Amino acid sequence: MVSLITKLRKQSKKILTPVAKSIAKSNVSANSITVTGLALSGVYALLLFLTRNPLLGILIIAISSFMDALDGEVARVKGETSNFGAFLDSSFDRIEDIFFISPLIFLGFNPFLVSTLVGFSLTISYLRSKAELVGIKMEGKGIIERGERIIFIVVILLAFFLDHFAGLMVFYILYFLSIVTVVQRFYAVATSKDKL
């Protein structure tokens, strides 16, 4: 899975870089793209509440995720990378995670499991942030990072559209792997030679 995500990121550069260079010629800032990505995640949650249509949800997630990938590339191309931009991007990613996962309740998924999955998702990101704050590299540690989680959510929606039981099974897999990732990151810190 990790190698697959890495390959996808490399391939996406072939699309993102030309688009980013085109946007760089305008007055559109990287931060405004970040805000757009967040707004779209809110639209996704609202549409899933109003329509209960998984396919529509997939479309909005895809566009929102593209915005998430594009903002950093635009910042790089325009030379606008900044600490505030990185803070904004990371903070909005956490809010988007809540918006992406929580609306599964509207499709009939167990509210307790959905809410705790949100908690595990935020914990995974928090553990990386906290570990790197004390100098322990966390990228690639754990089976489910943010990119994988978003792919899983898309697969859950698609599977649910085709067969409710299949969607539920994929949800359980994501739930289990999220717990595993939390444990993996705690273990990575506990066994790190760089730990304090």
Protein backbone atom coordinates (compact mmCIF):
# COMPACT_ATOMS: atom_id res chain seq x y z
CA MET A 1 0.00 0.00 0.00
CA VAL A 2 2.80 2.42 0.93
CA SER A 3 4.63 1.80 -2.36
CA LEU A 4 1.35 2.26 -4.23
CA ILE A 5 0.72 5.64 -2.59
CA THR A 6 4.31 6.69 -3.29
CA LYS A 7 3.92 5.79 -6.97
CA LEU A 8 0.61 7.66 -7.15
CA ARG A 9 2.20 10.76 -5.64
CA LYS A 10 5.01 10.66 -8.18
CA GLN A 11 2.57 10.19 -11.04
CA SER A 12 0.32 12.98 -9.77
CA LYS A 13 3.22 15.43 -10.08
CA LYS A 14 2.92 15.11 -13.86
CA ILE A 15 -0.59 16.56 -13.60
CA LEU A 16 -0.15 18.90 -10.62
CA THR A 17 2.97 20.72 -11.81
CA PRO A 18 1.54 22.01 -15.13
CA VAL A 19 -1.72 23.02 -13.40
CA ALA A 20 0.21 24.73 -10.61
CA LYS A 21 2.37 26.63 -13.11
CA SER A 22 -0.77 27.80 -14.89
CA ILE A 23 -2.35 28.96 -11.62
CA ALA A 24 0.91 30.63 -10.59
CA LYS A 25 0.43 33.12 -13.43
CA SER A 26 -2.77 34.36 -11.79
CA ASN A 27 -3.40 36.07 -8.45
CA VAL A 28 -4.73 32.86 -6.88
CA SER A 29 -2.72 32.07 -3.75
CA ALA A 30 -1.87 28.65 -2.37
CA ASN A 31 -3.72 29.50 0.85
CA SER A 32 -6.92 30.27 -1.07
CA ILE A 33 -6.70 26.82 -2.67
CA THR A 34 -6.29 25.32 0.81
CA VAL A 35 -9.43 27.13 1.95
CA THR A 36 -11.27 25.89 -1.16
CA GLY A 37 -10.33 22.31 -0.31
CA LEU A 38 -11.75 22.74 3.18
CA ALA A 39 -14.95 24.31 1.83
CA LEU A 40 -15.42 21.38 -0.55
CA SER A 41 -15.08 18.89 2.30
CA GLY A 42 -17.90 20.77 4.02
CA VAL A 43 -19.96 20.58 0.82
CA TYR A 44 -19.30 16.82 0.73
CA ALA A 45 -20.64 16.41 4.28
CA LEU A 46 -23.71 18.53 3.50
CA LEU A 47 -24.50 16.69 0.26
CA LEU A 48 -24.15 13.30 1.90
CA PHE A 49 -26.58 14.49 4.58
CA LEU A 50 -29.06 15.82 2.02
CA THR A 51 -28.82 13.18 -0.70
CA ARG A 52 -27.31 10.03 0.87
CA ASN A 53 -25.64 9.59 -2.52
CA PRO A 54 -22.22 7.88 -2.17
CA LEU A 55 -21.24 8.54 -5.80
CA LEU A 56 -21.76 12.28 -5.38
CA GLY A 57 -19.66 12.06 -2.23
CA ILE A 58 -16.85 10.37 -4.16
CA LEU A 59 -16.85 13.15 -6.75
CA ILE A 60 -16.58 15.91 -4.13
CA ILE A 61 -13.87 14.05 -2.18
CA ALA A 62 -11.86 13.69 -5.39
CA ILE A 63 -12.05 17.43 -6.13
CA SER A 64 -11.30 18.38 -2.52
CA SER A 65 -8.31 16.01 -2.40
CA PHE A 66 -7.02 17.47 -5.66
CA MET A 67 -7.15 20.93 -4.05
CA ASP A 68 -5.20 19.54 -1.08
CA ALA A 69 -2.48 18.25 -3.36
CA LEU A 70 -2.48 21.35 -5.54
CA ASP A 71 -2.02 23.98 -2.82
CA GLY A 72 1.45 22.82 -1.85
CA GLU A 73 2.57 22.59 -5.47
CA VAL A 74 1.28 26.11 -6.19
CA ALA A 75 3.11 27.41 -3.12
CA ARG A 76 6.32 25.77 -4.33
CA VAL A 77 6.00 27.07 -7.89
CA LYS A 78 5.16 30.60 -6.76
CA GLY A 79 7.80 30.60 -4.04
CA GLU A 80 5.12 31.24 -1.41
CA THR A 81 5.97 28.42 0.99
CA SER A 82 5.67 29.66 4.56
CA ASN A 83 5.24 28.41 8.11
CA PHE A 84 1.73 29.86 8.18
CA GLY A 85 0.82 28.08 4.94
CA ALA A 86 2.09 24.78 6.34
CA PHE A 87 0.17 25.38 9.58
CA LEU A 88 -3.01 26.25 7.68
CA ASP A 89 -2.72 23.20 5.44
CA SER A 90 -2.10 20.78 8.31
CA SER A 91 -4.87 22.26 10.47
CA PHE A 92 -7.43 22.22 7.66
CA ASP A 93 -6.47 18.63 6.82
CA ARG A 94 -7.62 17.60 10.31
CA ILE A 95 -10.96 19.38 9.87
CA GLU A 96 -11.36 17.77 6.44
CA ASP A 97 -10.72 14.35 8.00
CA ILE A 98 -13.66 14.99 10.34
CA PHE A 99 -15.86 16.09 7.42
CA PHE A 100 -14.84 13.07 5.30
CA ILE A 101 -15.48 10.41 7.94
CA SER A 102 -18.38 11.73 10.05
CA PRO A 103 -21.04 11.75 7.26
CA LEU A 104 -20.79 7.95 7.06
CA ILE A 105 -23.34 8.13 9.88
CA PHE A 106 -25.86 9.49 7.36
CA LEU A 107 -25.46 6.28 5.35
CA GLY A 108 -26.35 4.17 8.38
CA PHE A 109 -22.92 3.32 9.76
CA ASN A 110 -22.72 2.88 13.53
CA PRO A 111 -22.36 6.36 15.12
CA PHE A 112 -20.04 5.13 17.88
CA LEU A 113 -17.70 3.39 15.42
CA VAL A 114 -17.70 6.38 13.08
CA SER A 115 -16.95 8.82 15.90
CA THR A 116 -14.13 6.67 17.27
CA LEU A 117 -12.73 6.26 13.75
CA VAL A 118 -12.57 10.06 13.57
CA GLY A 119 -10.71 9.96 16.88
CA PHE A 120 -8.22 7.36 15.63
CA SER A 121 -7.68 9.38 12.43
CA LEU A 122 -6.87 12.53 14.41
CA THR A 123 -4.69 10.56 16.83
CA ILE A 124 -2.63 9.13 13.97
CA SER A 125 -1.91 12.64 12.69
CA TYR A 126 -1.29 13.96 16.21
CA LEU A 127 1.24 11.23 16.97
CA ARG A 128 3.20 12.11 13.84
CA SER A 129 3.14 15.81 14.69
CA LYS A 130 4.16 15.26 18.31
CA ALA A 131 6.90 12.77 17.44
CA GLU A 132 8.42 15.03 14.79
CA LEU A 133 8.27 17.92 17.25
CA VAL A 134 10.76 16.05 19.41
CA GLY A 135 12.87 15.03 16.42
CA ILE A 136 11.56 11.55 15.60
CA LYS A 137 10.80 10.99 11.91
CA MET A 138 7.30 9.56 11.46
CA GLU A 139 6.59 9.75 7.74
CA GLY A 140 5.83 6.27 6.44
CA LYS A 141 5.45 4.83 9.94
CA GLY A 142 2.14 3.01 10.19
CA ILE A 143 0.05 1.19 7.63
CA ILE A 144 -2.64 3.89 7.24
CA GLU A 145 -1.55 7.47 6.61
CA ARG A 146 -3.84 10.23 5.41
CA GLY A 147 -3.64 9.34 1.72
CA GLU A 148 -4.58 5.75 2.44
CA ARG A 149 -7.46 6.83 4.70
CA ILE A 150 -8.97 8.99 1.97
CA ILE A 151 -8.65 6.14 -0.55
CA PHE A 152 -10.35 3.82 1.94
CA ILE A 153 -13.23 6.28 2.40
CA VAL A 154 -13.71 6.44 -1.37
CA VAL A 155 -13.68 2.62 -1.54
CA ILE A 156 -16.18 2.47 1.35
CA LEU A 157 -18.54 4.81 -0.50
CA LEU A 158 -18.19 2.91 -3.77
CA ALA A 159 -18.62 -0.49 -2.12
CA PHE A 160 -21.61 0.79 -0.15
CA PHE A 161 -23.23 2.02 -3.37
CA LEU A 162 -22.83 -1.44 -4.90
CA ASP A 163 -23.64 -3.46 -1.80
CA HIS A 164 -24.26 -2.15 1.73
CA PHE A 165 -22.64 -5.17 3.38
CA ALA A 166 -19.48 -4.78 1.26
CA GLY A 167 -19.23 -1.13 2.30
CA LEU A 168 -19.54 -2.14 5.93
CA MET A 169 -16.77 -4.72 5.57
CA VAL A 170 -14.39 -2.18 4.06
CA PHE A 171 -15.27 0.20 6.90
CA TYR A 172 -14.33 -2.47 9.45
CA ILE A 173 -11.01 -3.01 7.67
CA LEU A 174 -10.23 0.72 7.83
CA TYR A 175 -11.25 0.77 11.49
CA PHE A 176 -8.96 -2.13 12.36
CA LEU A 177 -6.01 -0.78 10.36
CA SER A 178 -6.41 2.64 11.98
CA ILE A 179 -6.06 1.04 15.43
CA VAL A 180 -3.02 -0.88 14.17
CA THR A 181 -1.48 2.37 12.91
CA VAL A 182 -1.94 4.07 16.29
CA VAL A 183 -0.15 1.14 17.95
CA GLN A 184 2.59 1.17 15.29
CA ARG A 185 3.30 4.85 15.86
CA PHE A 186 3.45 4.46 19.63
CA TYR A 187 5.81 1.54 19.12
CA ALA A 188 7.94 3.49 16.64
CA VAL A 189 8.45 6.25 19.20
CA ALA A 190 9.03 3.82 22.07
CA THR A 191 11.75 1.98 20.13
CA SER A 192 13.30 5.00 18.40
CA LYS A 193 16.98 5.62 19.04
CA ASP A 194 16.19 9.34 18.87
CA LYS A 195 13.60 9.33 21.67
CA LEU A 196 14.16 11.63 24.61
